Amino acid sequence: GHEYVTAVPAGAVTAGTPIVMAPGSAV
């Protein structure tokens, strides 16, 4: 459902950074 969305984890972002599901927080 809409409570969980795709996000990039906190920290340095480079090629190879995983895409994760996370609680939606409009960040």
PDB file of all heavy atoms in Angstrom:
ATOM      1  N   GLY A   1       0.805  -1.210   0.000  1.00  0.00           N
ATOM      2  CA  GLY A   1       0.000   0.000   0.000  1.00  0.00           C
ATOM      3  C   GLY A   1       0.839   1.260   0.000  1.00  0.00           C
ATOM      4  O   GLY A   1       2.072   1.231  -0.076  1.00  0.00           O
ATOM      5  N   HIS A   2       0.167   2.404   0.114  1.00  0.00           N
ATOM      6  CA  HIS A   2       0.839   3.692  -0.010  1.00  0.00           C
ATOM      7  C   HIS A   2       1.714   4.055   1.184  1.00  0.00           C
ATOM      8  O   HIS A   2       2.448   5.034   1.136  1.00  0.00           O
ATOM      9  CB  HIS A   2      -0.194   4.795  -0.205  1.00  0.00           C
ATOM     10  CG  HIS A   2      -0.968   4.665  -1.478  1.00  0.00           C
ATOM     11  ND1 HIS A   2      -2.189   5.258  -1.686  1.00  0.00           N
ATOM     12  CD2 HIS A   2      -0.694   3.982  -2.621  1.00  0.00           C
ATOM     13  CE1 HIS A   2      -2.628   4.964  -2.891  1.00  0.00           C
ATOM     14  NE2 HIS A   2      -1.740   4.194  -3.482  1.00  0.00           N
ATOM     15  N   GLU A   3       1.642   3.288   2.259  1.00  0.00           N
ATOM     16  CA  GLU A   3       2.452   3.615   3.435  1.00  0.00           C
ATOM     17  C   GLU A   3       3.931   3.354   3.206  1.00  0.00           C
ATOM     18  O   GLU A   3       4.783   3.903   3.908  1.00  0.00           O
ATOM     19  CB  GLU A   3       1.974   2.815   4.649  1.00  0.00           C
ATOM     20  CG  GLU A   3       0.611   3.229   5.179  1.00  0.00           C
ATOM     21  CD  GLU A   3      -0.531   2.671   4.352  1.00  0.00           C
ATOM     22  OE1 GLU A   3      -0.264   1.785   3.497  1.00  0.00           O
ATOM     23  OE2 GLU A   3      -1.674   3.115   4.542  1.00  0.00           O
ATOM     24  N   TYR A   4       4.277   2.491   2.235  1.00  0.00           N
ATOM     25  CA  TYR A   4       5.672   2.157   1.952  1.00  0.00           C
ATOM     26  C   TYR A   4       5.986   2.482   0.501  1.00  0.00           C
ATOM     27  O   TYR A   4       5.220   2.129  -0.404  1.00  0.00           O
ATOM     28  CB  TYR A   4       5.950   0.681   2.241  1.00  0.00           C
ATOM     29  CG  TYR A   4       5.857   0.356   3.706  1.00  0.00           C
ATOM     30  CD1 TYR A   4       4.642  -0.035   4.276  1.00  0.00           C
ATOM     31  CD2 TYR A   4       6.964   0.470   4.538  1.00  0.00           C
ATOM     32  CE1 TYR A   4       4.543  -0.312   5.631  1.00  0.00           C
ATOM     33  CE2 TYR A   4       6.874   0.194   5.888  1.00  0.00           C
ATOM     34  CZ  TYR A   4       5.661  -0.199   6.425  1.00  0.00           C
ATOM     35  OH  TYR A   4       5.569  -0.464   7.764  1.00  0.00           O
ATOM     36  N   VAL A   5       7.119   3.139   0.283  1.00  0.00           N
ATOM     37  CA  VAL A   5       7.463   3.623  -1.053  1.00  0.00           C
ATOM     38  C   VAL A   5       8.934   3.354  -1.356  1.00  0.00           C
ATOM     39  O   VAL A   5       9.722   3.030  -0.463  1.00  0.00           O
ATOM     40  CB  VAL A   5       7.180   5.136  -1.163  1.00  0.00           C
ATOM     41  CG1 VAL A   5       5.709   5.446  -0.902  1.00  0.00           C
ATOM     42  CG2 VAL A   5       8.073   5.942  -0.209  1.00  0.00           C
ATOM     43  N   THR A   6       9.306   3.516  -2.624  1.00  0.00           N
ATOM     44  CA  THR A   6      10.700   3.347  -3.004  1.00  0.00           C
ATOM     45  C   THR A   6      11.527   4.548  -2.546  1.00  0.00           C
ATOM     46  O   THR A   6      11.065   5.685  -2.588  1.00  0.00           O
ATOM     47  CB  THR A   6      10.839   3.194  -4.525  1.00  0.00           C
ATOM     48  OG1 THR A   6      10.185   4.286  -5.178  1.00  0.00           O
ATOM     49  CG2 THR A   6      10.247   1.883  -4.994  1.00  0.00           C
ATOM     50  N   ALA A   7      12.755   4.261  -2.119  1.00  0.00           N
ATOM     51  CA  ALA A   7      13.622   5.312  -1.598  1.00  0.00           C
ATOM     52  C   ALA A   7      15.083   4.929  -1.805  1.00  0.00           C
ATOM     53  O   ALA A   7      15.413   3.752  -2.002  1.00  0.00           O
ATOM     54  CB  ALA A   7      13.355   5.542  -0.114  1.00  0.00           C
ATOM     55  N   VAL A   8      15.937   5.928  -1.763  1.00  0.00           N
ATOM     56  CA  VAL A   8      17.389   5.722  -1.763  1.00  0.00           C
ATOM     57  C   VAL A   8      17.851   5.830  -0.318  1.00  0.00           C
ATOM     58  O   VAL A   8      17.487   6.783   0.378  1.00  0.00           O
ATOM     59  CB  VAL A   8      18.078   6.780  -2.642  1.00  0.00           C
ATOM     60  CG1 VAL A   8      19.588   6.690  -2.512  1.00  0.00           C
ATOM     61  CG2 VAL A   8      17.650   6.602  -4.096  1.00  0.00           C
ATOM     62  N   PRO A   9      18.621   4.868   0.196  1.00  0.00           N
ATOM     63  CA  PRO A   9      19.056   4.920   1.594  1.00  0.00           C
ATOM     64  C   PRO A   9      19.860   6.182   1.893  1.00  0.00           C
ATOM     65  O   PRO A   9      20.505   6.757   1.008  1.00  0.00           O
ATOM     66  CB  PRO A   9      19.918   3.665   1.752  1.00  0.00           C
ATOM     67  CG  PRO A   9      19.490   2.759   0.647  1.00  0.00           C
ATOM     68  CD  PRO A   9      19.093   3.650  -0.486  1.00  0.00           C
ATOM     69  N   ALA A  10      19.835   6.614   3.138  1.00  0.00           N
ATOM     70  CA  ALA A  10      20.619   7.772   3.565  1.00  0.00           C
ATOM     71  C   ALA A  10      22.105   7.475   3.400  1.00  0.00           C
ATOM     72  O   ALA A  10      22.551   6.340   3.538  1.00  0.00           O
ATOM     73  CB  ALA A  10      20.304   8.112   5.014  1.00  0.00           C
ATOM     74  N   GLY A  11      22.868   8.517   3.113  1.00  0.00           N
ATOM     75  CA  GLY A  11      24.307   8.362   2.949  1.00  0.00           C
ATOM     76  C   GLY A  11      24.740   8.723   1.544  1.00  0.00           C
ATOM     77  O   GLY A  11      23.977   9.283   0.755  1.00  0.00           O
ATOM     78  N   ALA A  12      25.982   8.401   1.225  1.00  0.00           N
ATOM     79  CA  ALA A  12      26.530   8.710  -0.092  1.00  0.00           C
ATOM     80  C   ALA A  12      25.758   7.960  -1.168  1.00  0.00           C
ATOM     81  O   ALA A  12      25.397   6.794  -0.998  1.00  0.00           O
ATOM     82  CB  ALA A  12      28.003   8.343  -0.144  1.00  0.00           C
ATOM     83  N   VAL A  13      25.503   8.630  -2.277  1.00  0.00           N
ATOM     84  CA  VAL A  13      24.750   8.042  -3.382  1.00  0.00           C
ATOM     85  C   VAL A  13      25.670   7.905  -4.583  1.00  0.00           C
ATOM     86  O   VAL A  13      26.210   8.894  -5.083  1.00  0.00           O
ATOM     87  CB  VAL A  13      23.524   8.903  -3.736  1.00  0.00           C
ATOM     88  CG1 VAL A  13      22.791   8.327  -4.936  1.00  0.00           C
ATOM     89  CG2 VAL A  13      22.584   9.011  -2.539  1.00  0.00           C
ATOM     90  N   THR A  14      25.849   6.681  -5.042  1.00  0.00           N
ATOM     91  CA  THR A  14      26.703   6.399  -6.192  1.00  0.00           C
ATOM     92  C   THR A  14      26.044   5.312  -7.025  1.00  0.00           C
ATOM     93  O   THR A  14      25.038   4.719  -6.621  1.00  0.00           O
ATOM     94  CB  THR A  14      28.092   5.903  -5.747  1.00  0.00           C
ATOM     95  OG1 THR A  14      27.936   4.683  -5.002  1.00  0.00           O
ATOM     96  CG2 THR A  14      28.799   6.942  -4.878  1.00  0.00           C
ATOM     97  N   ALA A  15      26.617   5.037  -8.194  1.00  0.00           N
ATOM     98  CA  ALA A  15      26.178   3.890  -8.964  1.00  0.00           C
ATOM     99  C   ALA A  15      26.341   2.636  -8.106  1.00  0.00           C
ATOM    100  O   ALA A  15      27.390   2.433  -7.498  1.00  0.00           O
ATOM    101  CB  ALA A  15      26.988   3.774 -10.241  1.00  0.00           C
ATOM    102  N   GLY A  16      25.302   1.842  -8.029  1.00  0.00           N
ATOM    103  CA  GLY A  16      25.320   0.649  -7.198  1.00  0.00           C
ATOM    104  C   GLY A  16      24.571   0.804  -5.885  1.00  0.00           C
ATOM    105  O   GLY A  16      24.364  -0.182  -5.176  1.00  0.00           O
ATOM    106  N   THR A  17      24.163   2.039  -5.539  1.00  0.00           N
ATOM    107  CA  THR A  17      23.362   2.242  -4.335  1.00  0.00           C
ATOM    108  C   THR A  17      22.027   1.523  -4.497  1.00  0.00           C
ATOM    109  O   THR A  17      21.354   1.698  -5.518  1.00  0.00           O
ATOM    110  CB  THR A  17      23.112   3.743  -4.090  1.00  0.00           C
ATOM    111  OG1 THR A  17      24.357   4.392  -3.847  1.00  0.00           O
ATOM    112  CG2 THR A  17      22.185   3.959  -2.899  1.00  0.00           C
ATOM    113  N   PRO A  18      21.620   0.712  -3.542  1.00  0.00           N
ATOM    114  CA  PRO A  18      20.371  -0.039  -3.702  1.00  0.00           C
ATOM    115  C   PRO A  18      19.144   0.855  -3.618  1.00  0.00           C
ATOM    116  O   PRO A  18      19.185   1.956  -3.056  1.00  0.00           O
ATOM    117  CB  PRO A  18      20.404  -1.022  -2.527  1.00  0.00           C
ATOM    118  CG  PRO A  18      21.250  -0.338  -1.499  1.00  0.00           C
ATOM    119  CD  PRO A  18      22.294   0.414  -2.266  1.00  0.00           C
ATOM    120  N   ILE A  19      18.058   0.382  -4.196  1.00  0.00           N
ATOM    121  CA  ILE A  19      16.742   1.003  -4.040  1.00  0.00           C
ATOM    122  C   ILE A  19      15.969   0.153  -3.045  1.00  0.00           C
ATOM    123  O   ILE A  19      15.912  -1.072  -3.175  1.00  0.00           O
ATOM    124  CB  ILE A  19      15.984   1.071  -5.366  1.00  0.00           C
ATOM    125  CG1 ILE A  19      16.813   1.770  -6.437  1.00  0.00           C
ATOM    126  CG2 ILE A  19      14.638   1.770  -5.184  1.00  0.00           C
ATOM    127  CD1 ILE A  19      17.127   3.208  -6.128  1.00  0.00           C
ATOM    128  N   VAL A  20      15.399   0.781  -2.040  1.00  0.00           N
ATOM    129  CA  VAL A  20      14.738   0.039  -0.969  1.00  0.00           C
ATOM    130  C   VAL A  20      13.292   0.495  -0.817  1.00  0.00           C
ATOM    131  O   VAL A  20      12.884   1.536  -1.331  1.00  0.00           O
ATOM    132  CB  VAL A  20      15.486   0.234   0.377  1.00  0.00           C
ATOM    133  CG1 VAL A  20      16.921  -0.236   0.259  1.00  0.00           C
ATOM    134  CG2 VAL A  20      15.425   1.696   0.823  1.00  0.00           C
ATOM    135  N   MET A  21      12.519  -0.304  -0.100  1.00  0.00           N
ATOM    136  CA  MET A  21      11.205   0.124   0.355  1.00  0.00           C
ATOM    137  C   MET A  21      11.386   0.768   1.725  1.00  0.00           C
ATOM    138  O   MET A  21      12.180   0.312   2.545  1.00  0.00           O
ATOM    139  CB  MET A  21      10.257  -1.072   0.464  1.00  0.00           C
ATOM    140  CG  MET A  21       9.977  -1.773  -0.851  1.00  0.00           C
ATOM    141  SD  MET A  21       9.184  -0.715  -2.091  1.00  0.00           S
ATOM    142  CE  MET A  21       7.585  -0.411  -1.328  1.00  0.00           C
ATOM    143  N   ALA A  22      10.657   1.854   1.969  1.00  0.00           N
ATOM    144  CA  ALA A  22      10.767   2.567   3.234  1.00  0.00           C
ATOM    145  C   ALA A  22       9.428   3.223   3.548  1.00  0.00           C
ATOM    146  O   ALA A  22       8.614   3.459   2.651  1.00  0.00           O
ATOM    147  CB  ALA A  22      11.864   3.630   3.142  1.00  0.00           C
ATOM    148  N   PRO A  23       9.178   3.528   4.826  1.00  0.00           N
ATOM    149  CA  PRO A  23       7.946   4.255   5.157  1.00  0.00           C
ATOM    150  C   PRO A  23       7.904   5.588   4.429  1.00  0.00           C
ATOM    151  O   PRO A  23       8.897   6.323   4.395  1.00  0.00           O
ATOM    152  CB  PRO A  23       8.048   4.450   6.672  1.00  0.00           C
ATOM    153  CG  PRO A  23       8.961   3.361   7.135  1.00  0.00           C
ATOM    154  CD  PRO A  23       9.963   3.183   6.025  1.00  0.00           C
ATOM    155  N   GLY A  24       6.780   5.906   3.810  1.00  0.00           N
ATOM    156  CA  GLY A  24       6.654   7.168   3.107  1.00  0.00           C
ATOM    157  C   GLY A  24       6.777   8.340   4.060  1.00  0.00           C
ATOM    158  O   GLY A  24       6.088   8.398   5.079  1.00  0.00           O
ATOM    159  N   SER A  25       7.669   9.290   3.748  1.00  0.00           N
ATOM    160  CA  SER A  25       7.874  10.422   4.646  1.00  0.00           C
ATOM    161  C   SER A  25       8.110  11.728   3.899  1.00  0.00           C
ATOM    162  O   SER A  25       8.508  12.714   4.494  1.00  0.00           O
ATOM    163  CB  SER A  25       9.059  10.147   5.574  1.00  0.00           C
ATOM    164  OG  SER A  25      10.222   9.844   4.822  1.00  0.00           O
ATOM    165  N   ALA A  26       7.845  11.733   2.586  1.00  0.00           N
ATOM    166  CA  ALA A  26       7.968  12.954   1.777  1.00  0.00           C
ATOM    167  C   ALA A  26       9.349  13.595   1.895  1.00  0.00           C
ATOM    168  O   ALA A  26       9.484  14.808   1.965  1.00  0.00           O
ATOM    169  CB  ALA A  26       6.882  13.965   2.147  1.00  0.00           C
ATOM    170  N   VAL A  27      10.385  12.765   1.924  1.00  0.00           N
ATOM    171  CA  VAL A  27      11.757  13.266   1.948  1.00  0.00           C
ATOM    172  C   VAL A  27      12.333  13.194   0.540  1.00  0.00           C
ATOM    173  O   VAL A  27      11.818  12.474  -0.319  1.00  0.00           O
ATOM    174  CB  VAL A  27      12.630  12.462   2.930  1.00  0.00           C
ATOM    175  CG1 VAL A  27      12.142  12.635   4.348  1.00  0.00           C
ATOM    176  CG2 VAL A  27      12.654  10.980   2.545  1.00  0.00           C
TER     177      VAL A  27
END
